[in-house]
Amino acid sequence: MSAAMPPTGAAAGGATGAAPSPPRPRTGFVRDRGVAVRPSVTARRWRSDGVAKILGPVEVDEADVGTMTTILGSLTAERFAAHGALDVQGPIDVRGRLTVDGALRAFDRLHAGDCEVGERVVVRGPIEVDGRLRWRGPLTAPSLRAVQVIFSGGCDVAGRVDAEVVDGTLERPSRAEAIRAAAVRIRLPPRPLEKVVPPPVRRLADDLLGGRSPLLTVLRIEAGEVELEGVDAEFVRAERIRLGPYSRVARYEGTLTAVDSSAIVGPASISPRPYGLAR
């Protein structure tokens, strides 16, 4: 008698050749109060009124979470609102609006339809927003893309900023490799610059701008229209360029429509500018 062949595939309980399991349907309403720890969350709605730690992924249609929320997996949602700090270890994909009243820390990429963050933003992966990205405070990311970028605070972007509109108020030293947009407007806050730039930074720029340091350092700006205050740019290409207080442009292509008396056009220097460049 011949020996029986061992079972294979699904008959053996293995995964060989088996189709992947379909995603679990989002049903029901999950409610957490106080301190909650869950292995994962899959629901149409999730509400947390305290501190929540999710050990795996979160897949919801809508969520309103509280003081502190930590997600060790990915976050997938139609709409997500965090009324406090939000930490996410995996990628974030919110098709609608992502709102974080506190600080946001993400260890992977971030995608949202619209995104607004009230405090510090730290994202290890690229930021991609289909509509408006807005934040207050500092932002750190390798790159970011949005239709509108609006901020008050600062940024540390190792790569490029791509948008139709970039509109920011600088309140801290910042940097970006490049900015490409239809319109770029970077301005200083109305209060005196000495209250914005820390003294060590100002001292480093004594020879450049009389003790007042540009707050945003960028290698390249390409736009239709550019208005800069407190920006140190190596190259600017735009149809119309307006240089406001304490800005410097080493090289440019386009038309200078206005140059503030404290701005510098050309390589860093404390020598007087040629006659006619200041208006």
C-alpha atoms as a PDB file:
ATOM      1  CA  MET A   1       0.000   0.000   0.000  1.00  0.00           C
ATOM      2  CA  SER A   2       1.299   3.383  -0.868  1.00  0.00           C
ATOM      3  CA  ALA A   3       1.581   6.013   1.839  1.00  0.00           C
ATOM      4  CA  ALA A   4      -1.101   8.728   1.880  1.00  0.00           C
ATOM      5  CA  MET A   5       0.020  12.031   0.526  1.00  0.00           C
ATOM      6  CA  PRO A   6       0.149  14.817   3.170  1.00  0.00           C
ATOM      7  CA  PRO A   7      -2.540  17.493   2.882  1.00  0.00           C
ATOM      8  CA  THR A   8      -1.488  20.735   1.255  1.00  0.00           C
ATOM      9  CA  GLY A   9      -2.722  24.317   1.019  1.00  0.00           C
ATOM     10  CA  ALA A  10      -5.905  25.186   2.872  1.00  0.00           C
ATOM     11  CA  ALA A  11      -6.522  21.548   3.793  1.00  0.00           C
ATOM     12  CA  ALA A  12      -3.324  21.623   5.798  1.00  0.00           C
ATOM     13  CA  GLY A  13      -4.261  24.877   7.499  1.00  0.00           C
ATOM     14  CA  GLY A  14      -1.452  26.740   5.746  1.00  0.00           C
ATOM     15  CA  ALA A  15      -1.598  29.978   3.835  1.00  0.00           C
ATOM     16  CA  THR A  16      -0.107  28.650   0.601  1.00  0.00           C
ATOM     17  CA  GLY A  17      -2.185  29.882  -2.319  1.00  0.00           C
ATOM     18  CA  ALA A  18      -4.887  31.304  -0.066  1.00  0.00           C
ATOM     19  CA  ALA A  19      -6.525  34.573  -1.037  1.00  0.00           C
ATOM     20  CA  PRO A  20      -5.922  37.455   1.383  1.00  0.00           C
ATOM     21  CA  SER A  21      -8.630  38.051   3.926  1.00  0.00           C
ATOM     22  CA  PRO A  22     -10.998  40.882   2.963  1.00  0.00           C
ATOM     23  CA  PRO A  23     -10.857  43.970   5.169  1.00  0.00           C
ATOM     24  CA  ARG A  24     -13.242  43.976   8.072  1.00  0.00           C
ATOM     25  CA  PRO A  25     -16.334  46.128   7.498  1.00  0.00           C
ATOM     26  CA  ARG A  26     -16.574  49.310   9.518  1.00  0.00           C
ATOM     27  CA  THR A  27     -19.659  49.004  11.674  1.00  0.00           C
ATOM     28  CA  GLY A  28     -20.877  50.321  14.987  1.00  0.00           C
ATOM     29  CA  PHE A  29     -19.814  53.013  17.430  1.00  0.00           C
ATOM     30  CA  VAL A  30     -16.817  52.707  19.765  1.00  0.00           C
ATOM     31  CA  ARG A  31     -16.813  54.903  22.875  1.00  0.00           C
ATOM     32  CA  ASP A  32     -13.891  55.239  25.326  1.00  0.00           C
ATOM     33  CA  ARG A  33     -13.719  57.185  28.565  1.00  0.00           C
ATOM     34  CA  GLY A  34     -10.772  57.786  30.851  1.00  0.00           C
ATOM     35  CA  VAL A  35      -7.744  55.650  29.988  1.00  0.00           C
ATOM     36  CA  ALA A  36      -8.344  53.037  27.294  1.00  0.00           C
ATOM     37  CA  VAL A  37      -6.065  50.468  25.654  1.00  0.00           C
ATOM     38  CA  ARG A  38      -7.312  48.527  22.617  1.00  0.00           C
ATOM     39  CA  PRO A  39      -5.649  46.096  20.195  1.00  0.00           C
ATOM     40  CA  SER A  40      -7.233  47.955  17.240  1.00  0.00           C
ATOM     41  CA  VAL A  41     -10.274  50.005  16.271  1.00  0.00           C
ATOM     42  CA  THR A  42     -12.536  49.262  13.296  1.00  0.00           C
ATOM     43  CA  ALA A  43     -15.798  51.195  13.382  1.00  0.00           C
ATOM     44  CA  ARG A  44     -17.956  53.721  11.639  1.00  0.00           C
ATOM     45  CA  ARG A  45     -17.482  56.114  14.576  1.00  0.00           C
ATOM     46  CA  TRP A  46     -14.936  56.260  17.385  1.00  0.00           C
ATOM     47  CA  ARG A  47     -15.010  58.682  20.284  1.00  0.00           C
ATOM     48  CA  SER A  48     -12.470  58.923  23.085  1.00  0.00           C
ATOM     49  CA  ASP A  49     -12.898  61.373  25.953  1.00  0.00           C
ATOM     50  CA  GLY A  50      -9.558  60.749  27.649  1.00  0.00           C
ATOM     51  CA  VAL A  51      -6.270  58.999  26.938  1.00  0.00           C
ATOM     52  CA  ALA A  52      -6.264  56.189  24.369  1.00  0.00           C
ATOM     53  CA  LYS A  53      -3.545  53.803  23.246  1.00  0.00           C
ATOM     54  CA  ILE A  54      -4.251  51.598  20.231  1.00  0.00           C
ATOM     55  CA  LEU A  55      -1.774  48.769  19.749  1.00  0.00           C
ATOM     56  CA  GLY A  56      -2.631  48.178  16.093  1.00  0.00           C
ATOM     57  CA  PRO A  57      -4.374  49.907  13.195  1.00  0.00           C
ATOM     58  CA  VAL A  58      -7.327  52.283  13.327  1.00  0.00           C
ATOM     59  CA  GLU A  59      -9.900  52.168  10.503  1.00  0.00           C
ATOM     60  CA  VAL A  60     -12.883  54.456  11.001  1.00  0.00           C
ATOM     61  CA  ASP A  61     -15.244  56.670   9.061  1.00  0.00           C
ATOM     62  CA  GLU A  62     -15.232  59.402  11.723  1.00  0.00           C
ATOM     63  CA  ALA A  63     -13.346  59.918  14.957  1.00  0.00           C
ATOM     64  CA  ASP A  64     -13.244  62.472  17.767  1.00  0.00           C
ATOM     65  CA  VAL A  65     -10.506  61.689  20.257  1.00  0.00           C
ATOM     66  CA  GLY A  66      -9.388  63.382  23.440  1.00  0.00           C
ATOM     67  CA  THR A  67      -6.414  64.583  25.443  1.00  0.00           C
ATOM     68  CA  MET A  68      -3.764  62.128  24.205  1.00  0.00           C
ATOM     69  CA  THR A  69      -4.082  59.469  21.506  1.00  0.00           C
ATOM     70  CA  THR A  70      -1.344  57.017  20.533  1.00  0.00           C
ATOM     71  CA  ILE A  71      -1.779  54.676  17.563  1.00  0.00           C
ATOM     72  CA  LEU A  72       0.955  52.078  17.099  1.00  0.00           C
ATOM     73  CA  GLY A  73      -0.378  50.998  13.699  1.00  0.00           C
ATOM     74  CA  SER A  74      -1.759  52.858  10.718  1.00  0.00           C
ATOM     75  CA  LEU A  75      -4.587  55.399  10.714  1.00  0.00           C
ATOM     76  CA  THR A  76      -7.241  55.276   7.977  1.00  0.00           C
ATOM     77  CA  ALA A  77     -10.294  57.528   8.229  1.00  0.00           C
ATOM     78  CA  GLU A  78     -12.733  59.687   6.349  1.00  0.00           C
ATOM     79  CA  ARG A  79     -12.565  62.388   9.029  1.00  0.00           C
ATOM     80  CA  PHE A  80     -10.398  62.547  12.140  1.00  0.00           C
ATOM     81  CA  ALA A  81     -10.386  65.190  14.894  1.00  0.00           C
ATOM     82  CA  ALA A  82      -7.977  65.054  17.843  1.00  0.00           C
ATOM     83  CA  HIS A  83      -8.679  67.485  20.689  1.00  0.00           C
ATOM     84  CA  GLY A  84      -5.182  67.145  22.079  1.00  0.00           C
ATOM     85  CA  ALA A  85      -1.926  65.439  21.049  1.00  0.00           C
ATOM     86  CA  LEU A  86      -1.824  62.682  18.418  1.00  0.00           C
ATOM     87  CA  ASP A  87       0.996  60.152  17.889  1.00  0.00           C
ATOM     88  CA  VAL A  88       0.790  57.690  14.974  1.00  0.00           C
ATOM     89  CA  GLN A  89       3.479  55.089  14.267  1.00  0.00           C
ATOM     90  CA  GLY A  90       2.166  53.958  10.870  1.00  0.00           C
ATOM     91  CA  PRO A  91       1.043  55.847   7.771  1.00  0.00           C
ATOM     92  CA  ILE A  92      -1.865  58.296   8.015  1.00  0.00           C
ATOM     93  CA  ASP A  93      -4.557  58.397   5.323  1.00  0.00           C
ATOM     94  CA  VAL A  94      -7.502  60.706   6.061  1.00  0.00           C
ATOM     95  CA  ARG A  95      -9.566  61.289   2.942  1.00  0.00           C
ATOM     96  CA  GLY A  96     -11.416  64.259   4.433  1.00  0.00           C
ATOM     97  CA  ARG A  97     -10.343  66.680   7.155  1.00  0.00           C
ATOM     98  CA  LEU A  98      -7.638  65.926   9.723  1.00  0.00           C
ATOM     99  CA  THR A  99      -7.706  68.312  12.702  1.00  0.00           C
ATOM    100  CA  VAL A 100      -5.293  68.175  15.635  1.00  0.00           C
ATOM    101  CA  ASP A 101      -5.690  70.828  18.323  1.00  0.00           C
ATOM    102  CA  GLY A 102      -2.408  69.863  19.998  1.00  0.00           C
ATOM    103  CA  ALA A 103       0.858  68.465  18.673  1.00  0.00           C
ATOM    104  CA  LEU A 104       1.042  65.906  15.869  1.00  0.00           C
ATOM    105  CA  ARG A 105       3.818  63.331  15.608  1.00  0.00           C
ATOM    106  CA  ALA A 106       3.808  60.805  12.770  1.00  0.00           C
ATOM    107  CA  PHE A 107       6.522  58.258  12.035  1.00  0.00           C
ATOM    108  CA  ASP A 108       5.467  57.543   8.435  1.00  0.00           C
ATOM    109  CA  ARG A 109       3.852  59.427   5.560  1.00  0.00           C
ATOM    110  CA  LEU A 110       0.802  61.646   6.028  1.00  0.00           C
ATOM    111  CA  HIS A 111      -2.001  62.116   3.515  1.00  0.00           C
ATOM    112  CA  ALA A 112      -5.163  64.146   4.140  1.00  0.00           C
ATOM    113  CA  GLY A 113      -7.833  65.991   2.226  1.00  0.00           C
ATOM    114  CA  ASP A 114      -7.324  69.024   4.477  1.00  0.00           C
ATOM    115  CA  CYS A 115      -5.107  69.271   7.540  1.00  0.00           C
ATOM    116  CA  GLU A 116      -4.933  71.763  10.402  1.00  0.00           C
ATOM    117  CA  VAL A 117      -2.645  71.398  13.420  1.00  0.00           C
ATOM    118  CA  GLY A 118      -2.621  73.742  16.393  1.00  0.00           C
ATOM    119  CA  GLU A 119       0.887  73.098  17.705  1.00  0.00           C
ATOM    120  CA  ARG A 120       4.131  71.322  16.759  1.00  0.00           C
ATOM    121  CA  VAL A 121       4.134  69.020  13.709  1.00  0.00           C
ATOM    122  CA  VAL A 122       6.787  66.312  13.282  1.00  0.00           C
ATOM    123  CA  VAL A 123       6.327  63.909  10.356  1.00  0.00           C
ATOM    124  CA  ARG A 124       9.038  61.437   9.354  1.00  0.00           C
ATOM    125  CA  GLY A 125       7.527  60.750   5.920  1.00  0.00           C
ATOM    126  CA  PRO A 126       6.297  63.085   3.175  1.00  0.00           C
ATOM    127  CA  ILE A 127       3.213  65.240   3.774  1.00  0.00           C
ATOM    128  CA  GLU A 128       0.604  65.262   0.983  1.00  0.00           C
ATOM    129  CA  VAL A 129      -2.583  67.297   1.397  1.00  0.00           C
ATOM    130  CA  ASP A 130      -5.180  67.532  -1.357  1.00  0.00           C
ATOM    131  CA  GLY A 131      -6.471  70.916  -0.167  1.00  0.00           C
ATOM    132  CA  ARG A 132      -5.235  73.242   2.593  1.00  0.00           C
ATOM    133  CA  LEU A 133      -2.445  72.527   5.056  1.00  0.00           C
ATOM    134  CA  ARG A 134      -2.368  74.894   7.998  1.00  0.00           C
ATOM    135  CA  TRP A 135      -0.337  74.851  11.192  1.00  0.00           C
ATOM    136  CA  ARG A 136       0.722  77.060  14.087  1.00  0.00           C
ATOM    137  CA  GLY A 137       4.169  76.526  15.575  1.00  0.00           C
ATOM    138  CA  PRO A 138       7.105  74.555  14.126  1.00  0.00           C
ATOM    139  CA  LEU A 139       6.789  71.884  11.430  1.00  0.00           C
ATOM    140  CA  THR A 140       9.393  69.250  10.537  1.00  0.00           C
ATOM    141  CA  ALA A 141       9.048  67.000   7.481  1.00  0.00           C
ATOM    142  CA  PRO A 142      11.175  65.665   4.607  1.00  0.00           C
ATOM    143  CA  SER A 143       8.851  67.282   2.022  1.00  0.00           C
ATOM    144  CA  LEU A 144       5.335  68.636   1.739  1.00  0.00           C
ATOM    145  CA  ARG A 145       2.770  69.156  -0.987  1.00  0.00           C
ATOM    146  CA  ALA A 146      -0.603  70.898  -0.750  1.00  0.00           C
ATOM    147  CA  VAL A 147      -2.830  73.247  -2.696  1.00  0.00           C
ATOM    148  CA  GLN A 148      -2.531  75.885   0.034  1.00  0.00           C
ATOM    149  CA  VAL A 149       0.183  76.079   2.695  1.00  0.00           C
ATOM    150  CA  ILE A 150      -0.690  78.551   5.448  1.00  0.00           C
ATOM    151  CA  PHE A 151       1.270  78.826   8.678  1.00  0.00           C
ATOM    152  CA  SER A 152       2.357  81.015  11.548  1.00  0.00           C
ATOM    153  CA  GLY A 153       5.509  79.737  13.197  1.00  0.00           C
ATOM    154  CA  GLY A 154       8.220  78.048  11.188  1.00  0.00           C
ATOM    155  CA  CYS A 155       9.322  74.979   9.284  1.00  0.00           C
ATOM    156  CA  ASP A 156      12.231  72.616   8.798  1.00  0.00           C
ATOM    157  CA  VAL A 157      11.685  70.905   5.440  1.00  0.00           C
ATOM    158  CA  ALA A 158      14.652  68.946   4.155  1.00  0.00           C
ATOM    159  CA  GLY A 159      13.194  68.742   0.635  1.00  0.00           C
ATOM    160  CA  ARG A 160      10.736  70.743  -1.445  1.00  0.00           C
ATOM    161  CA  VAL A 161       7.535  72.598  -0.661  1.00  0.00           C
ATOM    162  CA  ASP A 162       5.038  72.335  -3.551  1.00  0.00           C
ATOM    163  CA  ALA A 163       1.790  74.312  -3.498  1.00  0.00           C
ATOM    164  CA  GLU A 164      -0.314  76.772  -5.408  1.00  0.00           C
ATOM    165  CA  VAL A 165      -0.139  79.252  -2.517  1.00  0.00           C
ATOM    166  CA  VAL A 166       2.414  79.520   0.283  1.00  0.00           C
ATOM    167  CA  ASP A 167       1.431  82.126   2.877  1.00  0.00           C
ATOM    168  CA  GLY A 168       3.362  82.188   6.129  1.00  0.00           C
ATOM    169  CA  THR A 169       4.267  84.350   9.100  1.00  0.00           C
ATOM    170  CA  LEU A 170       7.746  83.570  10.400  1.00  0.00           C
ATOM    171  CA  GLU A 171       8.225  83.371  14.143  1.00  0.00           C
ATOM    172  CA  ARG A 172      11.340  81.178  14.406  1.00  0.00           C
ATOM    173  CA  PRO A 173      14.432  80.216  12.370  1.00  0.00           C
ATOM    174  CA  SER A 174      13.335  77.989   9.477  1.00  0.00           C
ATOM    175  CA  ARG A 175      14.681  76.277   6.375  1.00  0.00           C
ATOM    176  CA  ALA A 176      13.554  74.550   3.194  1.00  0.00           C
ATOM    177  CA  GLU A 177      15.455  73.223   0.219  1.00  0.00           C
ATOM    178  CA  ALA A 178      13.068  74.744  -2.342  1.00  0.00           C
ATOM    179  CA  ILE A 179       9.628  76.324  -2.654  1.00  0.00           C
ATOM    180  CA  ARG A 180       7.552  76.061  -5.831  1.00  0.00           C
ATOM    181  CA  ALA A 181       4.159  77.758  -6.012  1.00  0.00           C
ATOM    182  CA  ALA A 182       2.051  80.173  -8.021  1.00  0.00           C
ATOM    183  CA  ALA A 183       2.259  82.744  -5.204  1.00  0.00           C
ATOM    184  CA  VAL A 184       4.653  82.916  -2.247  1.00  0.00           C
ATOM    185  CA  ARG A 185       4.173  85.381   0.582  1.00  0.00           C
ATOM    186  CA  ILE A 186       6.461  85.063   3.600  1.00  0.00           C
ATOM    187  CA  ARG A 187       6.254  87.867   6.134  1.00  0.00           C
ATOM    188  CA  LEU A 188       7.491  88.804   9.571  1.00  0.00           C
ATOM    189  CA  PRO A 189       5.126  89.272  12.485  1.00  0.00           C
ATOM    190  CA  PRO A 190       4.093  92.826  13.330  1.00  0.00           C
ATOM    191  CA  ARG A 191       6.007  92.882  16.609  1.00  0.00           C
ATOM    192  CA  PRO A 192       9.712  93.865  16.655  1.00  0.00           C
ATOM    193  CA  LEU A 193      12.021  91.245  15.161  1.00  0.00           C
ATOM    194  CA  GLU A 194      14.287  91.292  18.223  1.00  0.00           C
ATOM    195  CA  LYS A 195      11.504  89.582  20.178  1.00  0.00           C
ATOM    196  CA  VAL A 196      11.234  86.842  17.560  1.00  0.00           C
ATOM    197  CA  VAL A 197      14.828  85.892  16.759  1.00  0.00           C
ATOM    198  CA  PRO A 198      16.869  84.567  19.711  1.00  0.00           C
ATOM    199  CA  PRO A 199      20.021  86.588  20.510  1.00  0.00           C
ATOM    200  CA  PRO A 200      22.507  83.818  19.453  1.00  0.00           C
ATOM    201  CA  VAL A 201      20.960  83.729  15.982  1.00  0.00           C
ATOM    202  CA  ARG A 202      21.049  87.513  15.706  1.00  0.00           C
ATOM    203  CA  ARG A 203      24.724  87.618  16.664  1.00  0.00           C
ATOM    204  CA  LEU A 204      25.614  85.191  13.870  1.00  0.00           C
ATOM    205  CA  ALA A 205      24.093  87.604  11.339  1.00  0.00           C
ATOM    206  CA  ASP A 206      25.646  90.848  12.585  1.00  0.00           C
ATOM    207  CA  ASP A 207      27.717  91.314   9.430  1.00  0.00           C
ATOM    208  CA  LEU A 208      24.867  90.424   7.108  1.00  0.00           C
ATOM    209  CA  LEU A 209      21.883  92.439   8.223  1.00  0.00           C
ATOM    210  CA  GLY A 210      23.029  94.602  11.096  1.00  0.00           C
ATOM    211  CA  GLY A 211      22.156  92.113  13.820  1.00  0.00           C
ATOM    212  CA  ARG A 212      18.796  91.039  12.400  1.00  0.00           C
ATOM    213  CA  SER A 213      18.772  87.535  10.971  1.00  0.00           C
ATOM    214  CA  PRO A 214      16.617  86.180   8.155  1.00  0.00           C
ATOM    215  CA  LEU A 215      14.300  83.618   9.666  1.00  0.00           C
ATOM    216  CA  LEU A 216      13.831  81.376   6.595  1.00  0.00           C
ATOM    217  CA  THR A 217      16.793  80.032   4.647  1.00  0.00           C
ATOM    218  CA  VAL A 218      15.915  78.503   1.265  1.00  0.00           C
ATOM    219  CA  LEU A 219      18.030  77.532  -1.727  1.00  0.00           C
ATOM    220  CA  ARG A 220      15.463  78.134  -4.482  1.00  0.00           C
ATOM    221  CA  ILE A 221      12.058  79.757  -4.909  1.00  0.00           C
ATOM    222  CA  GLU A 222      10.055  79.473  -8.138  1.00  0.00           C
ATOM    223  CA  ALA A 223       6.700  81.239  -8.384  1.00  0.00           C
ATOM    224  CA  GLY A 224       4.631  83.665 -10.390  1.00  0.00           C
ATOM    225  CA  GLU A 225       4.659  86.266  -7.631  1.00  0.00           C
ATOM    226  CA  VAL A 226       6.935  86.465  -4.595  1.00  0.00           C
ATOM    227  CA  GLU A 227       6.803  88.703  -1.512  1.00  0.00           C
ATOM    228  CA  LEU A 228       9.504  88.055   1.054  1.00  0.00           C
ATOM    229  CA  GLU A 229      10.329  89.337   4.521  1.00  0.00           C
ATOM    230  CA  GLY A 230      13.022  87.786   6.681  1.00  0.00           C
ATOM    231  CA  VAL A 231      14.008  85.298   3.963  1.00  0.00           C
ATOM    232  CA  ASP A 232      17.531  84.425   2.805  1.00  0.00           C
ATOM    233  CA  ALA A 233      17.237  82.844  -0.681  1.00  0.00           C
ATOM    234  CA  GLU A 234      20.065  81.791  -2.960  1.00  0.00           C
ATOM    235  CA  PHE A 235      17.934  81.987  -6.115  1.00  0.00           C
ATOM    236  CA  VAL A 236      14.463  83.339  -6.891  1.00  0.00           C
ATOM    237  CA  ARG A 237      12.657  83.009 -10.212  1.00  0.00           C
ATOM    238  CA  ALA A 238       9.355  84.879 -10.468  1.00  0.00           C
ATOM    239  CA  GLU A 239       7.541  87.324 -12.678  1.00  0.00           C
ATOM    240  CA  ARG A 240       7.283  89.842  -9.823  1.00  0.00           C
ATOM    241  CA  ILE A 241       9.558  89.933  -6.770  1.00  0.00           C
ATOM    242  CA  ARG A 242       9.013  92.159  -3.763  1.00  0.00           C
ATOM    243  CA  LEU A 243      11.761  92.155  -1.113  1.00  0.00           C
ATOM    244  CA  GLY A 244      10.603  93.322   2.268  1.00  0.00           C
ATOM    245  CA  PRO A 245      12.485  93.955   5.504  1.00  0.00           C
ATOM    246  CA  TYR A 246      15.566  91.865   6.361  1.00  0.00           C
ATOM    247  CA  SER A 247      15.487  89.672   3.274  1.00  0.00           C
ATOM    248  CA  ARG A 248      18.325  88.698   0.936  1.00  0.00           C
ATOM    249  CA  VAL A 249      18.336  87.229  -2.564  1.00  0.00           C
ATOM    250  CA  ALA A 250      21.697  86.202  -3.998  1.00  0.00           C
ATOM    251  CA  ARG A 251      20.462  85.728  -7.603  1.00  0.00           C
ATOM    252  CA  TYR A 252      17.117  86.247  -9.273  1.00  0.00           C
ATOM    253  CA  GLU A 253      15.239  86.077 -12.572  1.00  0.00           C
ATOM    254  CA  GLY A 254      12.235  88.334 -12.938  1.00  0.00           C
ATOM    255  CA  THR A 255      11.271  91.892 -12.073  1.00  0.00           C
ATOM    256  CA  LEU A 256      12.049  93.508  -8.738  1.00  0.00           C
ATOM    257  CA  THR A 257       8.972  95.577  -7.983  1.00  0.00           C
ATOM    258  CA  ALA A 258      10.196  96.828  -4.589  1.00  0.00           C
ATOM    259  CA  VAL A 259      13.271  96.437  -2.393  1.00  0.00           C
ATOM    260  CA  ASP A 260      13.229  97.481   1.269  1.00  0.00           C
ATOM    261  CA  SER A 261      16.154  99.546   2.548  1.00  0.00           C
ATOM    262  CA  SER A 262      17.162  96.656   4.848  1.00  0.00           C
ATOM    263  CA  ALA A 263      17.070  94.031   2.076  1.00  0.00           C
ATOM    264  CA  ILE A 264      20.119  92.804   0.144  1.00  0.00           C
ATOM    265  CA  VAL A 265      20.276  91.805  -3.510  1.00  0.00           C
ATOM    266  CA  GLY A 266      23.372  89.820  -4.422  1.00  0.00           C
ATOM    267  CA  PRO A 267      25.931  87.880  -2.367  1.00  0.00           C
ATOM    268  CA  ALA A 268      26.058  88.586   1.347  1.00  0.00           C
ATOM    269  CA  SER A 269      27.878  91.847   1.865  1.00  0.00           C
ATOM    270  CA  ILE A 270      27.858  94.881   4.117  1.00  0.00           C
ATOM    271  CA  SER A 271      28.862  97.206   1.282  1.00  0.00           C
ATOM    272  CA  PRO A 272      26.263  99.690  -0.033  1.00  0.00           C
ATOM    273  CA  ARG A 273      23.884  98.506  -2.734  1.00  0.00           C
ATOM    274  CA  PRO A 274      24.113 100.105  -6.176  1.00  0.00           C
ATOM    275  CA  TYR A 275      22.047 103.211  -6.616  1.00  0.00           C
ATOM    276  CA  GLY A 276      18.456 102.577  -7.663  1.00  0.00           C
ATOM    277  CA  LEU A 277      17.908  99.148  -6.077  1.00  0.00           C
ATOM    278  CA  ALA A 278      16.246 100.517  -2.943  1.00  0.00           C
ATOM    279  CA  ARG A 279      12.857 102.186  -3.112  1.00  0.00           C
END
